[in-house]
PDB file of N, CA and C in Angstrom:
ATOM      1  N   UNK A   1      34.973  -9.544  19.917  1.00  0.00           N
ATOM      2  CA  UNK A   1      34.648 -10.212  18.536  1.00  0.00           C
ATOM      3  C   UNK A   1      35.532  -9.560  17.316  1.00  0.00           C
ATOM      4  N   UNK A   2      35.677  -8.311  17.407  1.00  0.00           N
ATOM      5  CA  UNK A   2      36.408  -7.533  16.296  1.00  0.00           C
ATOM      6  C   UNK A   2      37.852  -8.048  16.307  1.00  0.00           C
ATOM      7  N   UNK A   3      38.434  -8.423  17.555  1.00  0.00           N
ATOM      8  CA  UNK A   3      39.884  -8.859  17.476  1.00  0.00           C
ATOM      9  C   UNK A   3      40.148 -10.331  17.019  1.00  0.00           C
ATOM     10  N   UNK A   4      39.091 -11.001  17.087  1.00  0.00           N
ATOM     11  CA  UNK A   4      39.151 -12.483  16.581  1.00  0.00           C
ATOM     12  C   UNK A   4      39.016 -12.347  15.055  1.00  0.00           C
ATOM     13  N   UNK A   5      38.610 -11.282  14.388  1.00  0.00           N
ATOM     14  CA  UNK A   5      38.140 -11.405  12.900  1.00  0.00           C
ATOM     15  C   UNK A   5      36.798 -11.796  12.698  1.00  0.00           C
ATOM     16  N   UNK A   6      36.032 -12.081  13.649  1.00  0.00           N
ATOM     17  CA  UNK A   6      34.802 -12.576  13.224  1.00  0.00           C
ATOM     18  C   UNK A   6      33.785 -11.298  13.121  1.00  0.00           C
ATOM     19  N   UNK A   7      33.196 -11.283  11.943  1.00  0.00           N
ATOM     20  CA  UNK A   7      32.195 -10.375  11.675  1.00  0.00           C
ATOM     21  C   UNK A   7      30.856 -10.904  11.554  1.00  0.00           C
ATOM     22  N   UNK A   8      29.905 -10.702  12.424  1.00  0.00           N
ATOM     23  CA  UNK A   8      28.565 -11.204  12.258  1.00  0.00           C
ATOM     24  C   UNK A   8      27.663 -10.872  11.036  1.00  0.00           C
ATOM     25  N   UNK A   9      27.204 -11.830  10.344  1.00  0.00           N
ATOM     26  CA  UNK A   9      26.419 -11.422   9.053  1.00  0.00           C
ATOM     27  C   UNK A   9      25.057 -10.997   9.508  1.00  0.00           C
ATOM     28  N   UNK A  10      24.691  -9.793   8.934  1.00  0.00           N
ATOM     29  CA  UNK A  10      23.313  -9.348   9.177  1.00  0.00           C
ATOM     30  C   UNK A  10      22.263 -10.327   8.523  1.00  0.00           C
ATOM     31  N   UNK A  11      21.042 -10.230   9.024  1.00  0.00           N
ATOM     32  CA  UNK A  11      19.953 -10.956   8.300  1.00  0.00           C
ATOM     33  C   UNK A  11      19.837 -10.386   6.909  1.00  0.00           C
ATOM     34  N   UNK A  12      19.751 -11.178   6.070  1.00  0.00           N
ATOM     35  CA  UNK A  12      19.736 -10.855   4.671  1.00  0.00           C
ATOM     36  C   UNK A  12      18.541  -9.877   4.376  1.00  0.00           C
ATOM     37  N   UNK A  13      17.388 -10.170   4.902  1.00  0.00           N
ATOM     38  CA  UNK A  13      16.293  -9.465   4.642  1.00  0.00           C
ATOM     39  C   UNK A  13      16.478  -8.029   5.101  1.00  0.00           C
ATOM     40  N   UNK A  14      17.343  -7.682   6.076  1.00  0.00           N
ATOM     41  CA  UNK A  14      17.525  -6.353   6.412  1.00  0.00           C
ATOM     42  C   UNK A  14      18.143  -5.474   5.324  1.00  0.00           C
ATOM     43  N   UNK A  15      18.743  -5.974   4.263  1.00  0.00           N
ATOM     44  CA  UNK A  15      19.183  -5.155   3.255  1.00  0.00           C
ATOM     45  C   UNK A  15      18.314  -4.759   2.229  1.00  0.00           C
ATOM     46  N   UNK A  16      16.971  -5.278   2.259  1.00  0.00           N
ATOM     47  CA  UNK A  16      15.942  -4.776   1.383  1.00  0.00           C
ATOM     48  C   UNK A  16      15.141  -3.636   2.145  1.00  0.00           C
ATOM     49  N   UNK A  17      14.444  -2.897   1.188  1.00  0.00           N
ATOM     50  CA  UNK A  17      13.769  -1.753   1.782  1.00  0.00           C
ATOM     51  C   UNK A  17      12.349  -2.498   2.246  1.00  0.00           C
ATOM     52  N   UNK A  18      11.643  -1.976   3.114  1.00  0.00           N
ATOM     53  CA  UNK A  18      10.315  -2.459   3.654  1.00  0.00           C
ATOM     54  C   UNK A  18       9.251  -2.847   2.556  1.00  0.00           C
ATOM     55  N   UNK A  19       9.344  -2.003   1.371  1.00  0.00           N
ATOM     56  CA  UNK A  19       8.393  -2.205   0.311  1.00  0.00           C
ATOM     57  C   UNK A  19       8.803  -3.527  -0.453  1.00  0.00           C
ATOM     58  N   UNK A  20       9.993  -3.706  -0.659  1.00  0.00           N
ATOM     59  CA  UNK A  20      10.730  -4.882  -1.234  1.00  0.00           C
ATOM     60  C   UNK A  20      10.304  -6.105  -0.272  1.00  0.00           C
ATOM     61  N   UNK A  21      10.604  -5.967   1.070  1.00  0.00           N
ATOM     62  CA  UNK A  21      10.191  -7.119   1.679  1.00  0.00           C
ATOM     63  C   UNK A  21       8.864  -7.474   1.745  1.00  0.00           C
ATOM     64  N   UNK A  22       7.956  -6.483   1.680  1.00  0.00           N
ATOM     65  CA  UNK A  22       6.511  -6.660   1.680  1.00  0.00           C
ATOM     66  C   UNK A  22       6.074  -7.569   0.488  1.00  0.00           C
ATOM     67  N   UNK A  23       6.635  -6.905  -0.718  1.00  0.00           N
ATOM     68  CA  UNK A  23       6.368  -7.515  -2.093  1.00  0.00           C
ATOM     69  C   UNK A  23       6.848  -9.061  -2.022  1.00  0.00           C
ATOM     70  N   UNK A  24       8.099  -9.336  -1.722  1.00  0.00           N
ATOM     71  CA  UNK A  24       8.633 -10.675  -1.573  1.00  0.00           C
ATOM     72  C   UNK A  24       7.717 -11.463  -0.845  1.00  0.00           C
ATOM     73  N   UNK A  25       7.220 -11.085   0.436  1.00  0.00           N
ATOM     74  CA  UNK A  25       6.491 -11.798   1.088  1.00  0.00           C
ATOM     75  C   UNK A  25       5.048 -12.124   0.895  1.00  0.00           C
ATOM     76  N   UNK A  26       4.465 -11.009   0.199  1.00  0.00           N
ATOM     77  CA  UNK A  26       3.203 -11.241  -0.450  1.00  0.00           C
ATOM     78  C   UNK A  26       2.996 -12.063  -1.622  1.00  0.00           C
ATOM     79  N   UNK A  27       4.002 -11.998  -2.427  1.00  0.00           N
ATOM     80  CA  UNK A  27       4.150 -12.646  -3.819  1.00  0.00           C
ATOM     81  C   UNK A  27       4.834 -14.017  -3.667  1.00  0.00           C
ATOM     82  N   UNK A  28       5.563 -14.235  -2.626  1.00  0.00           N
ATOM     83  CA  UNK A  28       6.189 -15.505  -2.253  1.00  0.00           C
ATOM     84  C   UNK A  28       7.361 -15.818  -3.377  1.00  0.00           C
ATOM     85  N   UNK A  29       8.119 -14.721  -3.483  1.00  0.00           N
ATOM     86  CA  UNK A  29       9.193 -14.642  -4.475  1.00  0.00           C
ATOM     87  C   UNK A  29      10.517 -15.259  -4.048  1.00  0.00           C
ATOM     88  N   UNK A  30      11.243 -15.927  -4.863  1.00  0.00           N
ATOM     89  CA  UNK A  30      12.528 -16.283  -4.602  1.00  0.00           C
ATOM     90  C   UNK A  30      13.619 -15.192  -5.064  1.00  0.00           C
ATOM     91  N   UNK A  31      13.991 -14.393  -4.097  1.00  0.00           N
ATOM     92  CA  UNK A  31      14.872 -13.126  -4.381  1.00  0.00           C
ATOM     93  C   UNK A  31      16.108 -13.479  -5.050  1.00  0.00           C
ATOM     94  N   UNK A  32      16.496 -14.732  -5.044  1.00  0.00           N
ATOM     95  CA  UNK A  32      17.854 -15.140  -5.689  1.00  0.00           C
ATOM     96  C   UNK A  32      17.717 -15.120  -7.235  1.00  0.00           C
ATOM     97  N   UNK A  33      16.446 -15.123  -7.726  1.00  0.00           N
ATOM     98  CA  UNK A  33      16.127 -15.168  -9.109  1.00  0.00           C
ATOM     99  C   UNK A  33      16.139 -13.720  -9.827  1.00  0.00           C
ATOM    100  N   UNK A  34      16.110 -12.787  -8.817  1.00  0.00           N
ATOM    101  CA  UNK A  34      15.959 -11.530  -9.285  1.00  0.00           C
ATOM    102  C   UNK A  34      17.400 -10.757  -9.134  1.00  0.00           C
ATOM    103  N   UNK A  35      17.811  -9.965 -10.399  1.00  0.00           N
ATOM    104  CA  UNK A  35      19.042  -9.342 -10.291  1.00  0.00           C
ATOM    105  C   UNK A  35      18.745  -7.865  -9.903  1.00  0.00           C
ATOM    106  N   UNK A  36      19.648  -7.452  -8.947  1.00  0.00           N
ATOM    107  CA  UNK A  36      19.440  -5.934  -8.385  1.00  0.00           C
ATOM    108  C   UNK A  36      20.101  -4.884  -9.255  1.00  0.00           C
ATOM    109  N   UNK A  37      19.327  -3.987  -9.446  1.00  0.00           N
ATOM    110  CA  UNK A  37      20.000  -2.832 -10.072  1.00  0.00           C
ATOM    111  C   UNK A  37      20.365  -1.580  -9.205  1.00  0.00           C
ATOM    112  N   UNK A  38      20.083  -1.811  -8.002  1.00  0.00           N
ATOM    113  CA  UNK A  38      20.299  -0.667  -6.978  1.00  0.00           C
ATOM    114  C   UNK A  38      21.886  -0.465  -6.547  1.00  0.00           C
ATOM    115  N   UNK A  39      22.118   0.360  -5.698  1.00  0.00           N
ATOM    116  CA  UNK A  39      23.507   0.531  -5.487  1.00  0.00           C
ATOM    117  C   UNK A  39      24.002  -0.830  -4.874  1.00  0.00           C
ATOM    118  N   UNK A  40      25.144  -1.213  -5.227  1.00  0.00           N
ATOM    119  CA  UNK A  40      25.819  -2.402  -4.919  1.00  0.00           C
ATOM    120  C   UNK A  40      25.228  -3.773  -5.197  1.00  0.00           C
ATOM    121  N   UNK A  41      24.265  -3.681  -6.262  1.00  0.00           N
ATOM    122  CA  UNK A  41      23.560  -4.789  -6.664  1.00  0.00           C
ATOM    123  C   UNK A  41      22.181  -5.076  -5.867  1.00  0.00           C
ATOM    124  N   UNK A  42      21.929  -4.166  -5.037  1.00  0.00           N
ATOM    125  CA  UNK A  42      20.551  -4.432  -4.307  1.00  0.00           C
ATOM    126  C   UNK A  42      19.393  -4.584  -5.090  1.00  0.00           C
ATOM    127  N   UNK A  43      18.645  -5.410  -4.642  1.00  0.00           N
ATOM    128  CA  UNK A  43      17.221  -5.487  -5.140  1.00  0.00           C
ATOM    129  C   UNK A  43      16.304  -4.225  -4.833  1.00  0.00           C
ATOM    130  N   UNK A  44      15.775  -3.626  -5.744  1.00  0.00           N
ATOM    131  CA  UNK A  44      14.987  -2.488  -5.558  1.00  0.00           C
ATOM    132  C   UNK A  44      13.477  -2.901  -5.846  1.00  0.00           C
ATOM    133  N   UNK A  45      12.602  -2.126  -5.534  1.00  0.00           N
ATOM    134  CA  UNK A  45      11.212  -2.328  -5.688  1.00  0.00           C
ATOM    135  C   UNK A  45      10.835  -2.429  -6.971  1.00  0.00           C
ATOM    136  N   UNK A  46      11.561  -1.592  -7.991  1.00  0.00           N
ATOM    137  CA  UNK A  46      11.511  -1.698  -9.288  1.00  0.00           C
ATOM    138  C   UNK A  46      11.865  -2.889 -10.111  1.00  0.00           C
ATOM    139  N   UNK A  47      12.919  -3.529  -9.242  1.00  0.00           N
ATOM    140  CA  UNK A  47      13.430  -4.764  -9.816  1.00  0.00           C
ATOM    141  C   UNK A  47      12.292  -5.965  -9.633  1.00  0.00           C
ATOM    142  N   UNK A  48      11.721  -5.880  -8.400  1.00  0.00           N
ATOM    143  CA  UNK A  48      10.730  -6.986  -8.004  1.00  0.00           C
ATOM    144  C   UNK A  48       9.415  -6.677  -8.869  1.00  0.00           C
ATOM    145  N   UNK A  49       9.058  -5.454  -9.170  1.00  0.00           N
ATOM    146  CA  UNK A  49       8.022  -5.316 -10.064  1.00  0.00           C
ATOM    147  C   UNK A  49       8.225  -5.711 -11.487  1.00  0.00           C
ATOM    148  N   UNK A  50       9.516  -5.468 -11.954  1.00  0.00           N
ATOM    149  CA  UNK A  50       9.884  -5.910 -13.365  1.00  0.00           C
ATOM    150  C   UNK A  50       9.821  -7.357 -13.381  1.00  0.00           C
ATOM    151  N   UNK A  51      10.299  -7.977 -12.305  1.00  0.00           N
ATOM    152  CA  UNK A  51      10.208  -9.527 -12.216  1.00  0.00           C
ATOM    153  C   UNK A  51       8.771 -10.087 -12.289  1.00  0.00           C
ATOM    154  N   UNK A  52       8.018  -9.462 -11.562  1.00  0.00           N
ATOM    155  CA  UNK A  52       6.425  -9.904 -11.448  1.00  0.00           C
ATOM    156  C   UNK A  52       5.911  -9.780 -13.014  1.00  0.00           C
ATOM    157  N   UNK A  53       6.233  -8.593 -13.649  1.00  0.00           N
ATOM    158  CA  UNK A  53       5.754  -8.437 -15.146  1.00  0.00           C
ATOM    159  C   UNK A  53       6.171  -9.613 -16.000  1.00  0.00           C
ATOM    160  N   UNK A  54       7.444  -9.737 -15.780  1.00  0.00           N
ATOM    161  CA  UNK A  54       8.051 -10.625 -16.813  1.00  0.00           C
ATOM    162  C   UNK A  54       7.945 -12.176 -16.645  1.00  0.00           C
ATOM    163  N   UNK A  55       7.580 -12.467 -15.450  1.00  0.00           N
ATOM    164  CA  UNK A  55       7.292 -13.831 -15.052  1.00  0.00           C
ATOM    165  C   UNK A  55       6.099 -14.340 -15.524  1.00  0.00           C
ATOM    166  N   UNK A  56       5.997 -15.649 -15.901  1.00  0.00           N
ATOM    167  CA  UNK A  56       4.713 -16.236 -16.539  1.00  0.00           C
ATOM    168  C   UNK A  56       3.617 -16.141 -15.394  1.00  0.00           C
ATOM    169  N   UNK A  57       2.477 -15.981 -15.678  1.00  0.00           N
ATOM    170  CA  UNK A  57       1.432 -15.950 -14.794  1.00  0.00           C
ATOM    171  C   UNK A  57       0.969 -17.411 -14.622  1.00  0.00           C
ATOM    172  N   UNK A  58       0.930 -17.664 -13.299  1.00  0.00           N
ATOM    173  CA  UNK A  58       0.577 -19.088 -12.929  1.00  0.00           C
ATOM    174  C   UNK A  58      -0.837 -19.240 -13.013  1.00  0.00           C
ATOM    175  N   UNK A  59      -1.745 -18.363 -12.610  1.00  0.00           N
ATOM    176  CA  UNK A  59      -3.224 -18.485 -12.630  1.00  0.00           C
ATOM    177  C   UNK A  59      -3.749 -17.193 -13.181  1.00  0.00           C
ATOM    178  N   UNK A  60      -4.620 -17.352 -14.123  1.00  0.00           N
ATOM    179  CA  UNK A  60      -5.308 -16.236 -14.666  1.00  0.00           C
ATOM    180  C   UNK A  60      -6.567 -15.821 -13.928  1.00  0.00           C
ATOM    181  N   UNK A  61      -6.656 -14.506 -13.836  1.00  0.00           N
ATOM    182  CA  UNK A  61      -7.827 -14.070 -13.035  1.00  0.00           C
ATOM    183  C   UNK A  61      -9.196 -14.724 -13.583  1.00  0.00           C
ATOM    184  N   UNK A  62     -10.041 -15.020 -12.839  1.00  0.00           N
ATOM    185  CA  UNK A  62     -11.504 -15.418 -13.187  1.00  0.00           C
ATOM    186  C   UNK A  62     -12.176 -13.976 -13.526  1.00  0.00           C
ATOM    187  N   UNK A  63     -13.193 -14.315 -14.242  1.00  0.00           N
ATOM    188  CA  UNK A  63     -14.087 -13.247 -14.608  1.00  0.00           C
ATOM    189  C   UNK A  63     -14.882 -12.736 -13.342  1.00  0.00           C
ATOM    190  N   UNK A  64     -15.209 -11.461 -13.311  1.00  0.00           N
ATOM    191  CA  UNK A  64     -15.918 -10.891 -12.013  1.00  0.00           C
ATOM    192  C   UNK A  64     -17.094 -11.620 -11.783  1.00  0.00           C
ATOM    193  N   UNK A  65     -17.957 -12.251 -12.755  1.00  0.00           N
ATOM    194  CA  UNK A  65     -19.128 -12.936 -12.450  1.00  0.00           C
ATOM    195  C   UNK A  65     -18.922 -14.373 -11.709  1.00  0.00           C
ATOM    196  N   UNK A  66     -17.614 -14.830 -11.719  1.00  0.00           N
ATOM    197  CA  UNK A  66     -17.590 -16.202 -10.882  1.00  0.00           C
ATOM    198  C   UNK A  66     -17.138 -15.869  -9.545  1.00  0.00           C
ATOM    199  N   UNK A  67     -17.102 -14.786  -9.120  1.00  0.00           N
ATOM    200  CA  UNK A  67     -16.799 -14.517  -7.639  1.00  0.00           C
ATOM    201  C   UNK A  67     -18.006 -14.849  -6.786  1.00  0.00           C
ATOM    202  N   UNK A  68     -17.808 -15.534  -5.729  1.00  0.00           N
ATOM    203  CA  UNK A  68     -18.826 -15.661  -4.649  1.00  0.00           C
ATOM    204  C   UNK A  68     -19.209 -14.410  -4.195  1.00  0.00           C
ATOM    205  N   UNK A  69     -20.648 -14.245  -4.001  1.00  0.00           N
ATOM    206  CA  UNK A  69     -21.234 -13.111  -3.505  1.00  0.00           C
ATOM    207  C   UNK A  69     -21.121 -13.020  -1.979  1.00  0.00           C
ATOM    208  N   UNK A  70     -20.833 -11.819  -1.390  1.00  0.00           N
ATOM    209  CA  UNK A  70     -20.853 -11.801   0.062  1.00  0.00           C
ATOM    210  C   UNK A  70     -22.265 -11.582   0.449  1.00  0.00           C
ATOM    211  N   UNK A  71     -22.409 -12.079   1.777  1.00  0.00           N
ATOM    212  CA  UNK A  71     -23.922 -11.802   2.326  1.00  0.00           C
ATOM    213  C   UNK A  71     -23.976 -10.418   2.749  1.00  0.00           C
ATOM    214  N   UNK A  72     -25.217  -9.886   2.828  1.00  0.00           N
ATOM    215  CA  UNK A  72     -25.324  -8.493   3.074  1.00  0.00           C
ATOM    216  C   UNK A  72     -25.071  -8.502   4.507  1.00  0.00           C
ATOM    217  N   UNK A  73     -24.304  -7.187   5.000  1.00  0.00           N
ATOM    218  CA  UNK A  73     -23.874  -7.195   6.328  1.00  0.00           C
ATOM    219  C   UNK A  73     -25.214  -6.985   7.257  1.00  0.00           C
ATOM    220  N   UNK A  74     -25.073  -7.386   8.407  1.00  0.00           N
ATOM    221  CA  UNK A  74     -26.045  -7.295   9.512  1.00  0.00           C
ATOM    222  C   UNK A  74     -25.626  -6.152  10.504  1.00  0.00           C
ATOM    223  N   UNK A  75     -26.590  -5.977  11.313  1.00  0.00           N
ATOM    224  CA  UNK A  75     -26.210  -4.830  12.260  1.00  0.00           C
ATOM    225  C   UNK A  75     -25.132  -5.370  13.253  1.00  0.00           C
ATOM    226  N   UNK A  76     -25.053  -6.723  13.398  1.00  0.00           N
ATOM    227  CA  UNK A  76     -24.133  -7.272  14.406  1.00  0.00           C
ATOM    228  C   UNK A  76     -22.797  -7.084  14.026  1.00  0.00           C
ATOM    229  N   UNK A  77     -22.486  -6.980  12.655  1.00  0.00           N
ATOM    230  CA  UNK A  77     -21.064  -6.879  12.104  1.00  0.00           C
ATOM    231  C   UNK A  77     -20.548  -5.455  12.291  1.00  0.00           C
ATOM    232  N   UNK A  78     -21.386  -4.504  12.465  1.00  0.00           N
ATOM    233  CA  UNK A  78     -21.083  -3.126  12.491  1.00  0.00           C
ATOM    234  C   UNK A  78     -20.708  -2.759  13.913  1.00  0.00           C
ATOM    235  N   UNK A  79     -19.550  -2.143  14.277  1.00  0.00           N
ATOM    236  CA  UNK A  79     -19.147  -1.871  15.567  1.00  0.00           C
ATOM    237  C   UNK A  79     -18.683  -0.384  15.397  1.00  0.00           C
ATOM    238  N   UNK A  80     -19.331   0.419  16.447  1.00  0.00           N
ATOM    239  CA  UNK A  80     -18.831   1.844  16.722  1.00  0.00           C
ATOM    240  C   UNK A  80     -18.029   1.989  17.741  1.00  0.00           C
ATOM    241  N   UNK A  81     -17.044   2.943  17.344  1.00  0.00           N
ATOM    242  CA  UNK A  81     -15.979   3.223  18.286  1.00  0.00           C
ATOM    243  C   UNK A  81     -15.965   4.715  18.531  1.00  0.00           C
ATOM    244  N   UNK A  82     -15.646   5.144  19.713  1.00  0.00           N
ATOM    245  CA  UNK A  82     -15.587   6.483  19.970  1.00  0.00           C
ATOM    246  C   UNK A  82     -14.432   7.142  19.211  1.00  0.00           C
ATOM    247  N   UNK A  83     -14.778   8.307  18.927  1.00  0.00           N
ATOM    248  CA  UNK A  83     -13.857   9.227  18.033  1.00  0.00           C
ATOM    249  C   UNK A  83     -12.678   9.735  19.024  1.00  0.00           C
ATOM    250  N   UNK A  84     -11.696   9.825  18.225  1.00  0.00           N
ATOM    251  CA  UNK A  84     -10.366  10.566  19.083  1.00  0.00           C
ATOM    252  C   UNK A  84     -10.678  11.743  19.011  1.00  0.00           C
ATOM    253  N   UNK A  85      -9.891  12.570  19.981  1.00  0.00           N
ATOM    254  CA  UNK A  85     -10.162  13.914  20.004  1.00  0.00           C
ATOM    255  C   UNK A  85      -9.789  14.605  18.730  1.00  0.00           C
ATOM    256  N   UNK A  86      -8.754  14.209  17.921  1.00  0.00           N
ATOM    257  CA  UNK A  86      -8.418  14.907  16.772  1.00  0.00           C
ATOM    258  C   UNK A  86      -9.550  14.683  15.765  1.00  0.00           C
ATOM    259  N   UNK A  87     -10.213  13.547  15.669  1.00  0.00           N
ATOM    260  CA  UNK A  87     -11.250  13.310  14.861  1.00  0.00           C
ATOM    261  C   UNK A  87     -12.498  14.135  15.233  1.00  0.00           C
ATOM    262  N   UNK A  88     -12.648  14.329  16.508  1.00  0.00           N
ATOM    263  CA  UNK A  88     -13.842  15.176  16.918  1.00  0.00           C
ATOM    264  C   UNK A  88     -13.570  16.610  16.374  1.00  0.00           C
ATOM    265  N   UNK A  89     -12.312  17.119  16.685  1.00  0.00           N
ATOM    266  CA  UNK A  89     -11.846  18.423  16.266  1.00  0.00           C
ATOM    267  C   UNK A  89     -12.088  18.686  14.677  1.00  0.00           C
ATOM    268  N   UNK A  90     -11.745  17.647  13.963  1.00  0.00           N
ATOM    269  CA  UNK A  90     -11.803  17.659  12.452  1.00  0.00           C
ATOM    270  C   UNK A  90     -13.226  17.692  12.007  1.00  0.00           C
ATOM    271  N   UNK A  91     -14.166  16.970  12.599  1.00  0.00           N
ATOM    272  CA  UNK A  91     -15.622  16.763  12.285  1.00  0.00           C
ATOM    273  C   UNK A  91     -16.235  18.174  12.683  1.00  0.00           C
ATOM    274  N   UNK A  92     -16.015  18.732  13.761  1.00  0.00           N
ATOM    275  CA  UNK A  92     -16.440  19.914  14.238  1.00  0.00           C
ATOM    276  C   UNK A  92     -16.098  21.082  13.325  1.00  0.00           C
ATOM    277  N   UNK A  93     -14.955  21.109  12.825  1.00  0.00           N
ATOM    278  CA  UNK A  93     -14.454  22.147  11.894  1.00  0.00           C
ATOM    279  C   UNK A  93     -14.930  21.974  10.556  1.00  0.00           C
ATOM    280  N   UNK A  94     -15.131  20.936  10.125  1.00  0.00           N
ATOM    281  CA  UNK A  94     -15.648  20.641   8.797  1.00  0.00           C
ATOM    282  C   UNK A  94     -17.395  21.116   8.846  1.00  0.00           C
ATOM    283  N   UNK A  95     -17.956  20.622   9.795  1.00  0.00           N
ATOM    284  CA  UNK A  95     -19.369  21.068  10.165  1.00  0.00           C
ATOM    285  C   UNK A  95     -19.323  22.650  10.069  1.00  0.00           C
ATOM    286  N   UNK A  96     -18.536  23.275  10.843  1.00  0.00           N
ATOM    287  CA  UNK A  96     -18.565  24.742  11.105  1.00  0.00           C
ATOM    288  C   UNK A  96     -18.116  25.341   9.653  1.00  0.00           C
ATOM    289  N   UNK A  97     -17.388  24.873   9.000  1.00  0.00           N
ATOM    290  CA  UNK A  97     -16.988  25.375   7.637  1.00  0.00           C
ATOM    291  C   UNK A  97     -18.226  25.302   6.677  1.00  0.00           C
ATOM    292  N   UNK A  98     -18.970  24.209   6.692  1.00  0.00           N
ATOM    293  CA  UNK A  98     -20.065  24.116   5.859  1.00  0.00           C
ATOM    294  C   UNK A  98     -21.197  24.887   6.160  1.00  0.00           C
ATOM    295  N   UNK A  99     -21.343  25.068   7.437  1.00  0.00           N
ATOM    296  CA  UNK A  99     -22.466  25.976   7.933  1.00  0.00           C
ATOM    297  C   UNK A  99     -22.192  27.579   7.798  1.00  0.00           C
ATOM    298  N   UNK A 100     -20.892  27.859   7.602  1.00  0.00           N
ATOM    299  CA  UNK A 100     -20.554  29.328   7.905  1.00  0.00           C
ATOM    300  C   UNK A 100     -20.140  29.845   6.537  1.00  0.00           C
ATOM    301  N   UNK A 101     -20.080  28.883   5.531  1.00  0.00           N
ATOM    302  CA  UNK A 101     -19.499  29.510   4.114  1.00  0.00           C
ATOM    303  C   UNK A 101     -20.626  29.332   3.069  1.00  0.00           C
ATOM    304  N   UNK A 102     -20.603  30.044   2.039  1.00  0.00           N
ATOM    305  CA  UNK A 102     -21.502  29.987   0.930  1.00  0.00           C
ATOM    306  C   UNK A 102     -20.939  28.851  -0.053  1.00  0.00           C
ATOM    307  N   UNK A 103     -21.633  27.800  -0.178  1.00  0.00           N
ATOM    308  CA  UNK A 103     -21.132  26.728  -1.064  1.00  0.00           C
ATOM    309  C   UNK A 103     -21.724  27.010  -2.687  1.00  0.00           C
ATOM    310  N   UNK A 104     -20.806  27.590  -3.417  1.00  0.00           N
ATOM    311  CA  UNK A 104     -21.308  27.804  -4.669  1.00  0.00           C
ATOM    312  C   UNK A 104     -20.115  27.948  -5.618  1.00  0.00           C
ATOM    313  N   UNK A 105     -20.328  27.856  -6.823  1.00  0.00           N
ATOM    314  CA  UNK A 105     -19.391  27.920  -7.900  1.00  0.00           C
ATOM    315  C   UNK A 105     -19.677  28.978  -8.899  1.00  0.00           C
ATOM    316  N   UNK A 106     -18.951  29.785  -9.274  1.00  0.00           N
ATOM    317  CA  UNK A 106     -19.072  30.848 -10.318  1.00  0.00           C
ATOM    318  C   UNK A 106     -18.427  30.606 -11.663  1.00  0.00           C
ATOM    319  N   UNK A 107     -19.078  30.621 -12.682  1.00  0.00           N
ATOM    320  CA  UNK A 107     -18.486  30.498 -14.012  1.00  0.00           C
ATOM    321  C   UNK A 107     -18.676  31.885 -14.848  1.00  0.00           C
ATOM    322  N   UNK A 108     -17.550  32.087 -15.382  1.00  0.00           N
ATOM    323  CA  UNK A 108     -17.531  33.311 -16.252  1.00  0.00           C
ATOM    324  C   UNK A 108     -17.233  32.764 -17.615  1.00  0.00           C
ATOM    325  N   UNK A 109     -18.156  33.349 -18.414  1.00  0.00           N
ATOM    326  CA  UNK A 109     -18.073  32.963 -19.886  1.00  0.00           C
ATOM    327  C   UNK A 109     -17.999  34.172 -20.749  1.00  0.00           C
ATOM    328  N   UNK A 110     -17.269  34.131 -21.897  1.00  0.00           N
ATOM    329  CA  UNK A 110     -17.244  35.238 -22.660  1.00  0.00           C
ATOM    330  C   UNK A 110     -18.193  35.037 -23.844  1.00  0.00           C
ATOM    331  N   UNK A 111     -19.145  35.928 -23.915  1.00  0.00           N
ATOM    332  CA  UNK A 111     -20.238  35.880 -24.714  1.00  0.00           C
ATOM    333  C   UNK A 111     -19.968  36.487 -26.295  1.00  0.00           C
ATOM    334  N   UNK A 112     -18.960  37.027 -26.487  1.00  0.00           N
ATOM    335  CA  UNK A 112     -18.611  37.613 -27.724  1.00  0.00           C
ATOM    336  C   UNK A 112     -17.705  36.784 -28.586  1.00  0.00           C
TER     337      UNK A 112
END
């Protein structure tokens, strides 16, 4: 391939950092509208955030009172999973620390 002068073009999304790719995907942004300030004109996360700040808001957020209420969770929705060995060790050490130490706070004040 290199002898023929053909150089394969990398996927354009590979030149962006993972955080930039995530923002682009979440906000459905056309990257060609963003001018990059990074090395070589790369679009940085700051560029995307700046673009989002200056772009007009399409939909204004509704007041919190307008949100639909979620139903109260029932026992069926809760699932319990076995703890991993590291979590078991952390829980045991936290309990041991709580049981073997005096939990108090001392305040020193100057009365003069």
